[in-house]
Amino acid sequence: QVQVVESGGGLVQPGGSLRLSCAASGIIFSMHDMRWFRQAPGKQRELVATISPAGSTSYADSVKGRFIISRDDAKKAAYLQMNSLKPEDTAVYYCNADRLGPVKANYWGLGTQVTVSS
C-alpha cells in the first residue's frame, strides 16, 4: 500500500522558520520526483518546489531564496526547509511523489497546515 505522510506544520511568526517532512512507503522512491505543493483558501494549488532523483531542484518564484527542498533516499523522505516566512506562505502544504518514465503515477499526502501570523 502506498503512503505519503507529511509532518512538521504549525503556527509561526513572520520571519520564522519551519521544516516540513514527507515520508513515503510502498514505492520505489528513486523512481520519483518529490514535490511540495501548497493551497490557501480560495486560491489555486501552487507548485512550491521539486527535487529529482539526481538532486536537481526547482522553486516557485515566490519562495526562491527562502525555501530549500531536499531528499534522503535511504529514508524514503523529502523535506522542505522554510525560512523568512511571510503571512502569504500560509497554506496547507502537500507532498507529492511523481513517478518518472512512460508509465506515470502520482501519490499525494493529506497535507499539513502552515500558518504564518503575528
Protein backbone atom coordinates (compact mmCIF):
# COMPACT_ATOMS: atom_id res chain seq x y z
CA GLN A 1 0.00 0.00 0.00
CA VAL A 2 1.35 3.41 -0.99
CA GLN A 3 1.54 6.02 1.74
CA VAL A 4 2.76 9.61 1.64
CA VAL A 5 2.64 11.38 5.01
CA GLU A 6 3.56 14.98 5.78
CA SER A 7 4.52 16.37 9.17
CA GLY A 8 6.05 19.48 10.70
CA GLY A 9 3.40 22.11 10.08
CA GLY A 10 2.29 24.57 12.69
CA LEU A 11 1.99 28.21 13.71
CA VAL A 12 4.98 30.50 13.27
CA GLN A 13 5.56 34.25 13.39
CA PRO A 14 6.60 36.22 10.30
CA GLY A 15 10.33 35.87 9.76
CA GLY A 16 10.42 32.48 11.44
CA SER A 17 11.25 29.03 10.09
CA LEU A 18 9.66 25.61 9.81
CA ARG A 19 10.87 22.31 8.42
CA LEU A 20 8.33 20.02 6.78
CA SER A 21 8.94 16.30 6.37
CA CYS A 22 7.42 13.82 3.93
CA ALA A 23 7.71 10.07 4.48
CA ALA A 24 6.89 7.73 1.61
CA SER A 25 6.34 3.98 1.62
CA GLY A 26 5.19 1.36 -0.87
CA ILE A 27 7.01 2.96 -3.81
CA ILE A 28 10.40 2.72 -5.47
CA PHE A 29 11.48 6.06 -4.13
CA SER A 30 14.35 6.56 -6.58
CA MET A 31 11.89 6.46 -9.49
CA HIS A 32 10.00 9.53 -8.28
CA ASP A 33 10.38 13.25 -8.39
CA MET A 34 9.40 14.62 -4.99
CA ARG A 35 7.34 17.80 -4.96
CA TRP A 36 5.81 20.18 -2.46
CA PHE A 37 2.57 21.96 -3.29
CA ARG A 38 0.53 24.40 -1.26
CA GLN A 39 -3.02 25.68 -1.35
CA ALA A 40 -4.54 28.60 0.52
CA PRO A 41 -8.33 29.02 0.91
CA GLY A 42 -9.86 30.45 -2.25
CA LYS A 43 -6.64 30.12 -4.23
CA GLN A 44 -5.32 27.65 -6.78
CA ARG A 45 -2.93 24.89 -5.81
CA GLU A 46 0.64 26.06 -6.34
CA LEU A 47 3.76 24.03 -7.04
CA VAL A 48 6.33 25.21 -4.50
CA ALA A 49 9.41 23.06 -5.10
CA THR A 50 10.62 19.94 -6.91
CA ILE A 51 13.62 17.67 -6.47
CA SER A 52 14.60 14.91 -8.89
CA PRO A 53 16.26 11.60 -8.02
CA ALA A 54 19.54 13.13 -9.21
CA GLY A 55 19.10 16.04 -6.81
CA SER A 56 18.23 18.81 -9.25
CA THR A 57 15.81 21.34 -7.77
CA SER A 58 13.38 23.97 -8.90
CA TYR A 59 11.32 26.53 -6.98
CA ALA A 60 8.40 28.83 -7.44
CA ASP A 61 9.49 32.44 -7.77
CA SER A 62 7.55 33.30 -4.63
CA VAL A 63 9.75 31.09 -2.44
CA LYS A 64 13.10 31.22 -4.25
CA GLY A 65 15.91 32.10 -1.87
CA ARG A 66 13.80 31.32 1.20
CA PHE A 67 12.84 27.63 0.87
CA ILE A 68 15.09 24.61 0.34
CA ILE A 69 13.88 21.18 -0.80
CA SER A 70 15.94 18.06 -0.11
CA ARG A 71 15.59 14.28 -0.13
CA ASP A 72 17.05 11.28 1.65
CA ASP A 73 16.56 8.16 -0.45
CA ALA A 74 17.77 5.83 2.30
CA LYS A 75 14.91 7.09 4.47
CA LYS A 76 12.48 7.49 1.54
CA ALA A 77 11.85 11.01 2.75
CA ALA A 78 11.69 14.53 1.39
CA TYR A 79 11.95 17.80 3.28
CA LEU A 80 11.09 21.44 2.85
CA GLN A 81 13.07 23.92 4.93
CA MET A 82 11.11 27.18 5.03
CA ASN A 83 12.89 30.33 6.17
CA SER A 84 11.93 34.00 6.39
CA LEU A 85 8.29 33.02 6.41
CA LYS A 86 5.65 35.53 5.36
CA PRO A 87 1.90 35.64 6.05
CA GLU A 88 1.29 34.86 2.37
CA ASP A 89 3.02 31.50 2.90
CA THR A 90 0.02 30.43 4.98
CA ALA A 91 -1.49 27.35 3.32
CA VAL A 92 -1.95 23.62 3.51
CA TYR A 93 1.27 22.06 2.23
CA TYR A 94 1.09 18.77 0.32
CA CYS A 95 3.82 16.29 -0.54
CA ASN A 96 3.62 14.58 -3.93
CA ALA A 97 5.59 11.66 -5.34
CA ASP A 98 5.62 11.77 -9.14
CA ARG A 99 6.68 8.57 -10.89
CA LEU A 100 9.10 9.05 -13.76
CA GLY A 101 9.15 7.24 -17.09
CA PRO A 102 6.48 6.32 -19.63
CA VAL A 103 4.08 4.77 -17.11
CA LYS A 104 3.04 7.66 -14.90
CA ALA A 105 1.74 7.52 -11.35
CA ASN A 106 1.19 10.19 -8.73
CA TYR A 107 0.78 9.91 -4.96
CA TRP A 108 -0.39 12.58 -2.53
CA GLY A 109 -0.26 13.10 1.17
CA LEU A 110 -3.16 14.55 3.12
CA GLY A 111 -1.37 17.80 3.84
CA THR A 112 -0.10 19.74 6.82
CA GLN A 113 -1.21 23.24 7.83
CA VAL A 114 1.30 26.07 7.95
CA THR A 115 0.09 29.33 9.46
CA VAL A 116 2.31 32.42 9.50
CA SER A 117 0.85 35.09 11.74
CA SER A 118 1.83 37.54 14.45
